[in-house]
């Protein structure tokens, strides 16, 4: 079948959670279908990466250069202000491109697509520009419930009351946008069972709303060692949940761990570390900030565990699934571990978002070899049983129905 696949960011190289999910789904679809991918890149190297993705998956890629507004951008406040006068939520508003909309309109007039695949809720705004045939199916692949993510972000302690008001208003706009989306599409792929239930409450049809597991292959990298205890934290550091979680961990949790384990090391891996994180690392020689890396595997091999302190957000943390596939023990709080199936014995030691308890959980995993190995084994089993390519293909096969 011919699939018009729209996503908000060029999923190559797949070095952030959202890109990993999109890339892995595209990889499976490309084996059976003809893909025409329409996306955006925010770096000048994007066209090179687009050509690489075309060759790698044997698909057609049309990527538009668009310096998207992110947290470090100076334009974010201006765009956020303009979004107040739109019915679209801020995150959806900032991803709109008239050039892309015109292209989608033109290409859908020339070609008939069997599937219109809308990856992320930001892609759903382009549906009205696409000319659909009578037999076309529209699929929405949900990555997270943005209304819930914004509501949790608004509840996070902050001094800026205007910002809190903006987030509450945006959470409300996201809620109504989600209710609109579920009425416009034929099928919905949710990222987790909890998200599926939330989408159904917003009006989604239970019969056509399925959980699509993020596919991974298990490649064990973990080997227990207590000679050089090392904690690993991974993620896009400009993303608010990651940034705030890392700052909290470094300031409130890590000092407690160092008291119990004086030789401990902390490695922060991920693109776009902000000044506050770099400053923390400069003041403490036991903390290393790598910025963006080509592969996370070398860091898995030297770490005792992955810590995932996530103060707010929704959906599933792809980095946790990635770590579980590598057999890495994981320590996270309930929001960080949210949505991962099964809830228990899944390779994650869940602990409250509380500095002392979070520190104690990490110390426990580092000191107890049997616990670390148990978590590692559980993580591998979790991926094999619930997040394998075969599990994802079962759901994607519904496209052929």
Protein backbone atom coordinates (compact mmCIF):
# COMPACT_ATOMS: atom_id res chain seq x y z
CA UNK A 1 0.00 0.00 0.00
CA UNK A 2 0.96 3.63 -0.45
CA UNK A 3 1.35 5.51 2.82
CA UNK A 4 1.63 9.27 3.26
CA UNK A 5 3.47 9.53 6.57
CA UNK A 6 3.64 12.94 8.30
CA UNK A 7 5.76 13.59 11.37
CA UNK A 8 7.02 16.69 13.14
CA UNK A 9 10.78 16.08 13.06
CA UNK A 10 13.03 14.17 10.70
CA UNK A 11 13.47 10.86 12.56
CA UNK A 12 17.07 10.38 11.52
CA UNK A 13 19.48 9.99 13.17
CA UNK A 14 17.16 8.49 15.82
CA UNK A 15 18.80 10.03 18.90
CA UNK A 16 15.82 11.28 20.90
CA UNK A 17 12.82 9.36 22.23
CA UNK A 18 10.25 10.60 19.73
CA UNK A 19 12.62 10.07 16.80
CA UNK A 20 13.47 6.54 17.96
CA UNK A 21 9.80 5.60 18.10
CA UNK A 22 9.02 7.10 14.68
CA UNK A 23 12.10 5.59 13.05
CA UNK A 24 11.38 2.11 14.41
CA UNK A 25 7.76 2.23 13.17
CA UNK A 26 8.85 3.54 9.76
CA UNK A 27 11.40 0.75 9.52
CA UNK A 28 8.70 -1.89 10.02
CA UNK A 29 6.23 -0.23 7.63
CA UNK A 30 8.84 0.24 4.90
CA UNK A 31 9.33 -3.53 4.65
CA UNK A 32 5.77 -4.01 3.40
CA UNK A 33 4.58 -0.66 2.03
CA UNK A 34 5.59 2.33 -0.11
CA UNK A 35 6.26 5.29 2.18
CA UNK A 36 6.19 8.97 1.28
CA UNK A 37 7.49 10.76 4.38
CA UNK A 38 6.80 14.48 4.90
CA UNK A 39 8.67 16.01 7.80
CA UNK A 40 10.82 18.91 9.05
CA UNK A 41 14.46 19.41 10.01
CA UNK A 42 15.82 22.21 12.18
CA UNK A 43 19.49 21.91 11.25
CA UNK A 44 21.18 22.53 7.90
CA UNK A 45 22.48 18.94 7.96
CA UNK A 46 18.88 17.79 7.71
CA UNK A 47 18.85 17.33 3.93
CA UNK A 48 21.87 15.04 4.15
CA UNK A 49 20.14 13.02 6.84
CA UNK A 50 16.96 12.92 4.74
CA UNK A 51 18.88 11.39 1.83
CA UNK A 52 20.49 8.88 4.19
CA UNK A 53 17.08 7.88 5.51
CA UNK A 54 15.77 7.44 1.97
CA UNK A 55 18.56 5.02 1.12
CA UNK A 56 18.43 3.19 4.42
CA UNK A 57 14.69 2.44 4.35
CA UNK A 58 14.06 2.74 0.60
CA UNK A 59 11.38 5.40 1.08
CA UNK A 60 10.62 8.85 -0.34
CA UNK A 61 11.49 11.70 2.05
CA UNK A 62 10.43 15.35 1.72
CA UNK A 63 11.86 17.38 4.58
CA UNK A 64 11.39 21.12 5.02
CA UNK A 65 14.00 23.25 6.74
CA UNK A 66 12.29 24.99 9.61
CA UNK A 67 14.21 26.24 12.67
CA UNK A 68 11.57 25.08 15.11
CA UNK A 69 11.01 26.97 18.34
CA UNK A 70 12.47 25.05 21.26
CA UNK A 71 13.10 25.95 24.89
CA UNK A 72 16.49 27.63 24.34
CA UNK A 73 15.17 29.67 21.39
CA UNK A 74 14.85 33.45 21.78
CA UNK A 75 11.66 33.35 19.71
CA UNK A 76 9.76 31.00 22.01
CA UNK A 77 8.04 33.78 23.97
CA UNK A 78 6.89 35.54 20.81
CA UNK A 79 5.47 32.36 19.31
CA UNK A 80 3.85 31.42 22.63
CA UNK A 81 2.18 34.85 22.79
CA UNK A 82 0.86 34.52 19.24
CA UNK A 83 -0.52 31.06 20.04
CA UNK A 84 -2.79 32.64 22.68
CA UNK A 85 -4.94 33.99 19.86
CA UNK A 86 -5.20 30.62 18.11
CA UNK A 87 -7.45 27.69 18.91
CA UNK A 88 -4.44 25.46 18.40
CA UNK A 89 -2.32 24.50 21.42
CA UNK A 90 1.13 26.10 21.49
CA UNK A 91 2.97 22.91 20.55
CA UNK A 92 0.69 22.33 17.56
CA UNK A 93 0.76 26.00 16.55
CA UNK A 94 4.56 26.19 16.41
CA UNK A 95 4.78 23.16 14.10
CA UNK A 96 2.53 24.57 11.39
CA UNK A 97 4.09 25.39 8.02
CA UNK A 98 2.04 26.77 5.15
CA UNK A 99 4.74 25.56 2.75
CA UNK A 100 4.32 22.00 4.01
CA UNK A 101 0.53 22.32 3.89
CA UNK A 102 0.68 23.44 0.25
CA UNK A 103 3.01 20.56 -0.60
CA UNK A 104 0.69 18.02 1.03
CA UNK A 105 -2.24 19.44 -0.90
CA UNK A 106 -0.33 19.24 -4.17
CA UNK A 107 1.13 15.76 -3.70
CA UNK A 108 -2.23 14.31 -2.61
CA UNK A 109 -3.82 15.66 -5.77
CA UNK A 110 -1.22 13.93 -7.94
CA UNK A 111 -1.19 10.64 -6.03
CA UNK A 112 -3.74 8.55 -4.21
CA UNK A 113 -2.63 7.22 -0.85
CA UNK A 114 -4.16 4.22 0.84
CA UNK A 115 -3.07 5.38 4.29
CA UNK A 116 -2.68 8.87 5.75
CA UNK A 117 -0.43 8.29 8.76
CA UNK A 118 -0.39 11.20 11.24
CA UNK A 119 2.53 10.77 13.63
CA UNK A 120 2.23 13.01 16.74
CA UNK A 121 -0.81 15.22 17.32
CA UNK A 122 1.05 18.10 15.62
CA UNK A 123 0.62 16.32 12.27
CA UNK A 124 -3.16 16.18 12.60
CA UNK A 125 -3.51 19.88 11.72
CA UNK A 126 -2.46 19.04 8.14
CA UNK A 127 -5.32 16.61 7.52
CA UNK A 128 -7.61 19.32 6.11
CA UNK A 129 -5.02 20.10 3.40
CA UNK A 130 -4.84 16.50 2.14
CA UNK A 131 -7.04 15.24 -0.67
CA UNK A 132 -8.25 11.81 0.41
CA UNK A 133 -9.63 9.10 -1.82
CA UNK A 134 -12.82 7.32 -0.80
CA UNK A 135 -10.86 4.28 0.36
CA UNK A 136 -8.15 6.14 2.25
CA UNK A 137 -7.67 5.30 5.91
CA UNK A 138 -6.50 7.96 8.35
CA UNK A 139 -4.36 6.81 11.25
CA UNK A 140 -3.26 8.89 14.23
CA UNK A 141 -0.18 7.59 16.05
CA UNK A 142 -0.26 9.16 19.51
CA UNK A 143 3.02 9.76 21.34
CA UNK A 144 1.63 11.35 24.51
CA UNK A 145 -1.46 13.02 25.97
CA UNK A 146 -0.38 16.64 25.77
CA UNK A 147 -3.28 17.98 27.84
CA UNK A 148 -2.10 15.82 30.75
CA UNK A 149 1.55 16.76 30.20
CA UNK A 150 0.72 20.49 30.24
CA UNK A 151 -1.50 20.12 33.30
CA UNK A 152 1.29 18.37 35.20
CA UNK A 153 3.76 21.01 34.05
CA UNK A 154 1.43 23.76 35.30
CA UNK A 155 1.21 22.10 38.72
CA UNK A 156 4.99 21.94 39.05
CA UNK A 157 6.14 24.58 41.60
CA UNK A 158 7.17 27.83 39.93
CA UNK A 159 7.29 31.53 40.79
CA UNK A 160 6.07 32.76 37.40
CA UNK A 161 2.28 32.84 37.81
CA UNK A 162 1.79 34.10 34.25
CA UNK A 163 3.57 31.00 32.95
CA UNK A 164 1.37 28.76 35.09
CA UNK A 165 -1.72 30.47 33.72
CA UNK A 166 -0.47 30.01 30.17
CA UNK A 167 0.12 26.30 30.76
CA UNK A 168 -3.31 25.75 32.28
CA UNK A 169 -4.92 27.53 29.32
CA UNK A 170 -2.81 25.48 26.91
CA UNK A 171 -3.74 22.26 28.73
CA UNK A 172 -7.40 23.14 28.14
CA UNK A 173 -6.77 23.85 24.44
CA UNK A 174 -4.91 20.53 24.15
CA UNK A 175 -7.86 18.71 25.71
CA UNK A 176 -10.32 20.07 23.15
CA UNK A 177 -7.83 19.51 20.34
CA UNK A 178 -7.51 15.86 21.40
CA UNK A 179 -11.29 15.49 21.41
CA UNK A 180 -11.38 16.91 17.88
CA UNK A 181 -8.61 14.62 16.61
CA UNK A 182 -10.22 11.36 17.70
CA UNK A 183 -13.36 12.22 15.71
CA UNK A 184 -11.43 12.91 12.49
CA UNK A 185 -9.43 9.70 12.13
CA UNK A 186 -10.30 6.10 11.32
CA UNK A 187 -7.78 4.38 13.57
CA UNK A 188 -5.69 5.39 16.57
CA UNK A 189 -2.45 3.85 17.75
CA UNK A 190 -1.81 4.82 21.38
CA UNK A 191 1.59 4.50 22.98
CA UNK A 192 0.32 2.79 26.15
CA UNK A 193 -2.77 1.27 27.75
CA UNK A 194 -3.29 4.27 30.11
CA UNK A 195 -3.13 6.64 27.13
CA UNK A 196 -5.62 4.46 25.24
CA UNK A 197 -8.11 4.79 28.08
CA UNK A 198 -7.66 8.57 28.16
CA UNK A 199 -8.25 8.82 24.41
CA UNK A 200 -11.40 6.71 24.74
CA UNK A 201 -12.65 9.11 27.42
CA UNK A 202 -12.07 11.92 24.91
CA UNK A 203 -14.34 10.17 22.43
CA UNK A 204 -12.11 7.66 20.63
CA UNK A 205 -13.74 4.47 19.39
CA UNK A 206 -12.55 1.57 21.63
CA UNK A 207 -12.76 -0.88 18.69
CA UNK A 208 -10.41 1.12 16.47
CA UNK A 209 -8.04 2.40 19.18
CA UNK A 210 -5.15 0.01 19.73
CA UNK A 211 -1.93 0.09 21.73
CA UNK A 212 1.06 0.08 19.37
CA UNK A 213 4.17 -1.01 21.29
CA UNK A 214 7.41 0.77 20.44
CA UNK A 215 9.49 -2.00 18.81
CA UNK A 216 12.97 -2.82 20.15
CA UNK A 217 15.46 -5.63 19.79
CA UNK A 218 17.21 -6.75 22.95
CA UNK A 219 21.00 -6.36 22.91
CA UNK A 220 22.38 -6.88 26.44
CA UNK A 221 25.10 -4.36 27.33
CA UNK A 222 24.98 -4.48 31.14
CA UNK A 223 27.63 -6.14 33.28
CA UNK A 224 27.60 -5.58 37.02
CA UNK A 225 30.63 -3.89 38.56
CA UNK A 226 31.13 -2.15 41.89
CA UNK A 227 34.72 -1.04 41.33
CA UNK A 228 33.77 2.11 39.42
CA UNK A 229 30.13 2.88 40.33
CA UNK A 230 28.53 5.03 37.65
CA UNK A 231 25.07 6.52 37.19
CA UNK A 232 23.79 7.31 33.71
CA UNK A 233 21.10 9.85 32.82
CA UNK A 234 20.03 10.17 29.18
CA UNK A 235 17.80 12.61 27.33
CA UNK A 236 17.29 15.80 25.37
CA UNK A 237 18.38 18.29 28.04
CA UNK A 238 16.45 21.24 26.69
CA UNK A 239 13.17 19.32 27.15
CA UNK A 240 11.61 20.67 30.36
CA UNK A 241 10.98 17.33 32.19
CA UNK A 242 14.55 16.18 31.49
CA UNK A 243 16.14 19.53 32.35
CA UNK A 244 14.26 20.00 35.63
CA UNK A 245 14.72 16.35 36.57
CA UNK A 246 18.47 16.53 35.97
CA UNK A 247 18.86 19.77 37.94
CA UNK A 248 16.87 18.32 40.84
CA UNK A 249 18.89 15.10 40.75
CA UNK A 250 22.25 16.89 40.69
CA UNK A 251 21.35 19.30 43.46
CA UNK A 252 19.19 17.19 45.78
CA UNK A 253 19.85 13.48 45.11
CA UNK A 254 23.43 13.10 43.91
CA UNK A 255 25.04 14.69 47.02
CA UNK A 256 23.28 12.08 49.17
CA UNK A 257 24.58 9.27 46.95
CA UNK A 258 28.12 10.68 47.12
CA UNK A 259 28.02 10.51 50.92
CA UNK A 260 27.37 6.77 50.75
CA UNK A 261 29.49 6.10 47.65
CA UNK A 262 32.43 8.54 47.53
CA UNK A 263 33.77 7.03 44.26
CA UNK A 264 30.49 7.49 42.39
CA UNK A 265 30.43 9.05 38.91
CA UNK A 266 27.53 10.64 37.05
CA UNK A 267 27.34 10.81 33.25
CA UNK A 268 24.75 13.06 31.59
CA UNK A 269 24.24 12.09 27.94
CA UNK A 270 22.07 14.10 25.58
CA UNK A 271 21.93 17.05 23.19
CA UNK A 272 21.45 20.71 24.07
CA UNK A 273 22.57 20.86 27.71
CA UNK A 274 21.69 24.30 29.06
CA UNK A 275 24.04 26.60 30.97
CA UNK A 276 22.73 25.64 34.39
CA UNK A 277 23.55 21.96 33.78
CA UNK A 278 27.00 22.77 32.37
CA UNK A 279 27.69 24.98 35.40
CA UNK A 280 26.77 22.17 37.80
CA UNK A 281 29.15 19.82 35.96
CA UNK A 282 32.02 22.34 36.01
CA UNK A 283 31.72 22.62 39.79
CA UNK A 284 31.78 18.84 40.34
CA UNK A 285 34.54 16.81 38.62
CA UNK A 286 32.60 13.58 39.21
CA UNK A 287 29.91 14.75 36.76
CA UNK A 288 30.45 14.45 33.00
CA UNK A 289 28.25 16.05 30.33
CA UNK A 290 28.77 14.49 26.90
CA UNK A 291 26.31 16.52 24.80
CA UNK A 292 25.03 14.58 21.73
CA UNK A 293 26.67 11.21 21.05
CA UNK A 294 26.53 8.85 18.06
CA UNK A 295 25.83 5.80 20.21
CA UNK A 296 24.73 5.24 23.77
CA UNK A 297 26.16 1.70 23.90
CA UNK A 298 29.61 2.62 25.30
CA UNK A 299 27.92 4.42 28.19
CA UNK A 300 25.63 1.49 28.96
CA UNK A 301 28.71 -0.70 29.25
CA UNK A 302 30.32 1.50 31.92
CA UNK A 303 27.18 2.33 33.95
CA UNK A 304 25.57 0.53 36.88
CA UNK A 305 22.11 1.82 36.08
CA UNK A 306 20.03 4.36 34.24
CA UNK A 307 18.39 6.98 36.45
CA UNK A 308 15.25 8.61 35.04
CA UNK A 309 14.02 11.41 37.31
CA UNK A 310 10.93 12.72 35.49
CA UNK A 311 8.91 15.34 37.40
CA UNK A 312 6.11 15.62 34.82
CA UNK A 313 5.10 14.55 31.31
CA UNK A 314 2.93 11.80 29.81
CA UNK A 315 3.11 8.80 27.52
CA UNK A 316 6.14 6.52 27.77
CA UNK A 317 9.81 7.37 28.26
CA UNK A 318 11.41 5.80 25.19
CA UNK A 319 14.86 6.11 26.78
CA UNK A 320 13.71 3.73 29.53
CA UNK A 321 12.57 1.15 26.98
CA UNK A 322 15.87 1.60 25.15
CA UNK A 323 17.78 0.99 28.38
CA UNK A 324 15.67 -2.06 29.25
CA UNK A 325 16.43 -3.51 25.80
CA UNK A 326 20.11 -3.20 26.68
CA UNK A 327 19.52 -4.96 30.00
CA UNK A 328 20.21 -1.82 32.03
CA UNK A 329 18.72 -1.65 35.53
CA UNK A 330 16.53 1.45 35.77
CA UNK A 331 15.56 3.62 38.72
CA UNK A 332 12.70 6.04 38.14
CA UNK A 333 9.73 7.69 39.79
CA UNK A 334 6.08 6.73 39.05
CA UNK A 335 5.62 9.31 36.26
CA UNK A 336 8.87 8.18 34.65
CA UNK A 337 7.78 4.53 34.69
CA UNK A 338 4.23 5.34 33.64
CA UNK A 339 2.65 3.33 30.84
CA UNK A 340 5.31 0.62 30.63
CA UNK A 341 3.83 -2.86 30.52
CA UNK A 342 3.90 -4.84 32.77
CA UNK A 343 3.75 -2.49 35.75
CA UNK A 344 5.75 -4.78 38.03
CA UNK A 345 8.92 -6.84 37.59
CA UNK A 346 9.72 -4.93 34.40
CA UNK A 347 13.33 -3.98 35.10
CA UNK A 348 12.48 -0.67 36.78
CA UNK A 349 12.89 0.03 40.48
CA UNK A 350 10.16 2.62 41.04
CA UNK A 351 10.69 5.09 43.85
CA UNK A 352 8.97 8.35 44.86
CA UNK A 353 10.17 11.68 43.46
CA UNK A 354 11.79 12.36 46.83
CA UNK A 355 15.49 13.13 47.16
CA UNK A 356 16.29 10.76 50.03
CA UNK A 357 14.20 7.84 48.74
CA UNK A 358 15.48 8.27 45.18
CA UNK A 359 19.07 8.25 46.47
CA UNK A 360 18.44 5.17 48.61
CA UNK A 361 17.00 3.27 45.64
CA UNK A 362 20.07 4.00 43.51
CA UNK A 363 22.49 3.08 46.29
CA UNK A 364 20.60 -0.18 46.77
CA UNK A 365 20.92 -1.17 43.09
CA UNK A 366 24.63 -0.29 43.02
CA UNK A 367 25.45 -2.20 46.20
CA UNK A 368 23.31 -5.29 45.60
CA UNK A 369 24.57 -7.37 42.68
CA UNK A 370 21.64 -9.78 42.88
CA UNK A 371 19.11 -6.92 42.61
CA UNK A 372 20.96 -5.30 39.70
CA UNK A 373 21.12 -8.57 37.78
CA UNK A 374 17.47 -9.30 38.56
CA UNK A 375 16.39 -5.92 37.16
CA UNK A 376 18.56 -6.49 34.10
CA UNK A 377 16.94 -9.85 33.41
CA UNK A 378 13.45 -8.46 33.97
CA UNK A 379 14.11 -5.62 31.52
CA UNK A 380 15.16 -8.01 28.76
CA UNK A 381 12.05 -10.12 29.36
CA UNK A 382 9.82 -7.03 29.29
CA UNK A 383 11.08 -5.97 25.88
CA UNK A 384 10.93 -9.49 24.40
CA UNK A 385 7.40 -10.11 25.64
CA UNK A 386 5.78 -6.70 25.19
CA UNK A 387 7.91 -4.47 22.92
CA UNK A 388 9.30 -6.71 20.21
CA UNK A 389 9.01 -6.06 16.49
CA UNK A 390 6.60 -9.00 16.23
CA UNK A 391 4.28 -7.40 18.79
CA UNK A 392 4.27 -4.14 16.84
CA UNK A 393 3.77 -5.92 13.51
CA UNK A 394 0.61 -7.60 14.85
CA UNK A 395 -0.94 -4.18 15.41
CA UNK A 396 0.40 -2.66 12.18
CA UNK A 397 -1.05 -5.61 10.23
CA UNK A 398 -4.45 -4.07 10.85
CA UNK A 399 -3.53 -1.63 8.06
CA UNK A 400 -4.09 -4.46 5.61
CA UNK A 401 -7.57 -5.23 6.88
